[in-house]
Each structure stands twice: as C-alpha cells, then as structure tokens.
C-alpha atoms as a PDB file:
ATOM      1  CA  MET A   1      42.125  -6.302  35.593  1.00  0.00           C
ATOM      2  CA  LYS A   2      42.023  -5.183  31.975  1.00  0.00           C
ATOM      3  CA  GLU A   3      39.035  -6.149  29.831  1.00  0.00           C
ATOM      4  CA  GLU A   4      41.269  -8.090  27.423  1.00  0.00           C
ATOM      5  CA  ALA A   5      42.668 -10.163  30.264  1.00  0.00           C
ATOM      6  CA  LYS A   6      39.214 -10.959  31.606  1.00  0.00           C
ATOM      7  CA  ASN A   7      37.824 -11.999  28.228  1.00  0.00           C
ATOM      8  CA  GLU A   8      40.701 -14.034  26.811  1.00  0.00           C
ATOM      9  CA  PHE A   9      42.095 -17.332  28.012  1.00  0.00           C
ATOM     10  CA  THR A  10      44.762 -19.476  26.444  1.00  0.00           C
ATOM     11  CA  GLU A  11      44.432 -23.091  25.400  1.00  0.00           C
ATOM     12  CA  LEU A  12      46.537 -25.219  23.117  1.00  0.00           C
ATOM     13  CA  ASP A  13      45.337 -25.990  19.617  1.00  0.00           C
ATOM     14  CA  GLN A  14      45.827 -29.366  17.920  1.00  0.00           C
ATOM     15  CA  ASN A  15      49.415 -28.446  16.985  1.00  0.00           C
ATOM     16  CA  GLY A  16      50.359 -27.461  20.532  1.00  0.00           C
ATOM     17  CA  ARG A  17      50.334 -23.725  19.828  1.00  0.00           C
ATOM     18  CA  ASP A  18      48.596 -21.203  22.057  1.00  0.00           C
ATOM     19  CA  LYS A  19      45.067 -20.440  20.927  1.00  0.00           C
ATOM     20  CA  GLN A  20      43.171 -17.441  22.267  1.00  0.00           C
ATOM     21  CA  MET A  21      39.672 -18.142  23.551  1.00  0.00           C
ATOM     22  CA  ARG A  22      37.413 -15.112  23.741  1.00  0.00           C
ATOM     23  CA  TRP A  23      34.497 -15.137  26.165  1.00  0.00           C
ATOM     24  CA  LEU A  24      31.452 -13.010  25.370  1.00  0.00           C
ATOM     25  CA  ARG A  25      28.703 -11.832  27.681  1.00  0.00           C
ATOM     26  CA  SER A  26      25.035 -11.892  26.696  1.00  0.00           C
ATOM     27  CA  ARG A  27      25.057  -8.245  25.624  1.00  0.00           C
ATOM     28  CA  ASP A  28      27.985  -8.937  23.282  1.00  0.00           C
ATOM     29  CA  VAL A  29      26.238 -11.927  21.676  1.00  0.00           C
ATOM     30  CA  ARG A  30      22.968  -9.988  21.305  1.00  0.00           C
ATOM     31  CA  LYS A  31      24.838  -7.186  19.552  1.00  0.00           C
ATOM     32  CA  LEU A  32      26.787  -9.613  17.342  1.00  0.00           C
ATOM     33  CA  LEU A  33      23.640 -11.459  16.254  1.00  0.00           C
ATOM     34  CA  GLY A  34      21.264  -8.493  16.311  1.00  0.00           C
ATOM     35  CA  VAL A  35      18.766 -10.264  18.576  1.00  0.00           C
ATOM     36  CA  ARG A  36      16.814  -9.411  21.711  1.00  0.00           C
ATOM     37  CA  ASP A  37      17.412 -10.936  25.125  1.00  0.00           C
ATOM     38  CA  SER A  38      14.394 -13.238  24.810  1.00  0.00           C
ATOM     39  CA  THR A  39      15.659 -14.581  21.475  1.00  0.00           C
ATOM     40  CA  LEU A  40      19.102 -15.254  22.939  1.00  0.00           C
ATOM     41  CA  GLN A  41      17.446 -17.047  25.845  1.00  0.00           C
ATOM     42  CA  GLN A  42      15.471 -19.246  23.424  1.00  0.00           C
ATOM     43  CA  MET A  43      18.673 -20.092  21.535  1.00  0.00           C
ATOM     44  CA  ARG A  44      20.357 -21.006  24.804  1.00  0.00           C
ATOM     45  CA  ILE A  45      17.426 -23.221  25.868  1.00  0.00           C
ATOM     46  CA  ARG A  46      17.318 -24.955  22.453  1.00  0.00           C
ATOM     47  CA  GLY A  47      21.019 -25.668  22.772  1.00  0.00           C
ATOM     48  CA  ASP A  48      22.027 -23.795  19.623  1.00  0.00           C
ATOM     49  CA  PHE A  49      25.397 -23.215  21.310  1.00  0.00           C
ATOM     50  CA  PRO A  50      26.888 -23.855  24.749  1.00  0.00           C
ATOM     51  CA  ALA A  51      26.438 -21.225  27.441  1.00  0.00           C
ATOM     52  CA  TYR A  52      28.021 -21.032  30.862  1.00  0.00           C
ATOM     53  CA  LYS A  53      26.596 -19.233  33.879  1.00  0.00           C
ATOM     54  CA  LEU A  54      28.932 -17.846  36.502  1.00  0.00           C
ATOM     55  CA  GLY A  55      27.741 -15.609  39.310  1.00  0.00           C
ATOM     56  CA  GLY A  56      24.453 -14.856  37.565  1.00  0.00           C
ATOM     57  CA  ILE A  57      26.134 -13.840  34.298  1.00  0.00           C
ATOM     58  CA  TRP A  58      25.937 -15.911  31.115  1.00  0.00           C
ATOM     59  CA  TYR A  59      29.131 -16.383  29.110  1.00  0.00           C
ATOM     60  CA  TYR A  60      29.631 -17.774  25.609  1.00  0.00           C
ATOM     61  CA  LEU A  61      32.747 -18.732  23.679  1.00  0.00           C
ATOM     62  CA  GLU A  62      33.061 -16.651  20.536  1.00  0.00           C
ATOM     63  CA  ASP A  63      34.198 -19.762  18.614  1.00  0.00           C
ATOM     64  CA  ASP A  64      30.979 -21.590  19.638  1.00  0.00           C
ATOM     65  CA  ILE A  65      28.846 -18.715  18.334  1.00  0.00           C
ATOM     66  CA  ASN A  66      30.804 -18.610  15.050  1.00  0.00           C
ATOM     67  CA  ASP A  67      30.516 -22.396  14.664  1.00  0.00           C
ATOM     68  CA  ALA A  68      26.744 -22.221  15.193  1.00  0.00           C
ATOM     69  CA  ILE A  69      26.489 -19.556  12.486  1.00  0.00           C
ATOM     70  CA  LEU A  70      28.578 -21.613  10.060  1.00  0.00           C
ATOM     71  CA  LYS A  71      26.537 -24.754  10.736  1.00  0.00           C
ATOM     72  CA  GLY A  72      23.301 -22.841  10.083  1.00  0.00           C
ATOM     73  CA  LYS A  73      21.964 -23.271  13.619  1.00  0.00           C
ATOM     74  CA  ILE A  74      21.568 -19.506  13.899  1.00  0.00           C
ATOM     75  CA  CYS A  75      21.484 -16.700  11.362  1.00  0.00           C
ATOM     76  CA  ASN A  76      23.564 -13.561  11.646  1.00  0.00           C
ATOM     77  CA  ASN A  77      21.425 -10.892   9.981  1.00  0.00           C
END
C-alpha cells in the first residue's frame, strides 16, 4: 500500500464535497513542531489535541494539530 493511501482518508465537508484527512505519526508531529518525544507525550496527556493509538502507534490528524496551533494551545517554533 502506498504511503499516500495509508495516510489519507476521505470524509465529506459541510458542503458535501470530499475532504482529505491526513494522519500523522508521532515522528511527523515531532518534526512539524520541533519537539522531543517527551514534550509530545506531555501535550497528548494535557489534551492539547486528540491522539489515537492503534497497534502501539500514536496517530494524529493534521487538521487537529493545525487547529491547536491556531488556537494557541501549542507553539510552532
């Protein structure tokens, strides 16, 4: 399975159009935010954004991370 297919799912937006949802793994979020694993864990525990665990791997929706940045819950340095 291609990486794009594994990381993108389709849902409908409010207007009924397809909206791409991109799932990120912990390493992707750490790189995006420039934080260490322990910092990401603290953010997850505080509930700064939703996280989903499947088979021992944490996944995050890219939109949730972006929303948290925009709302000032986390800083992207």
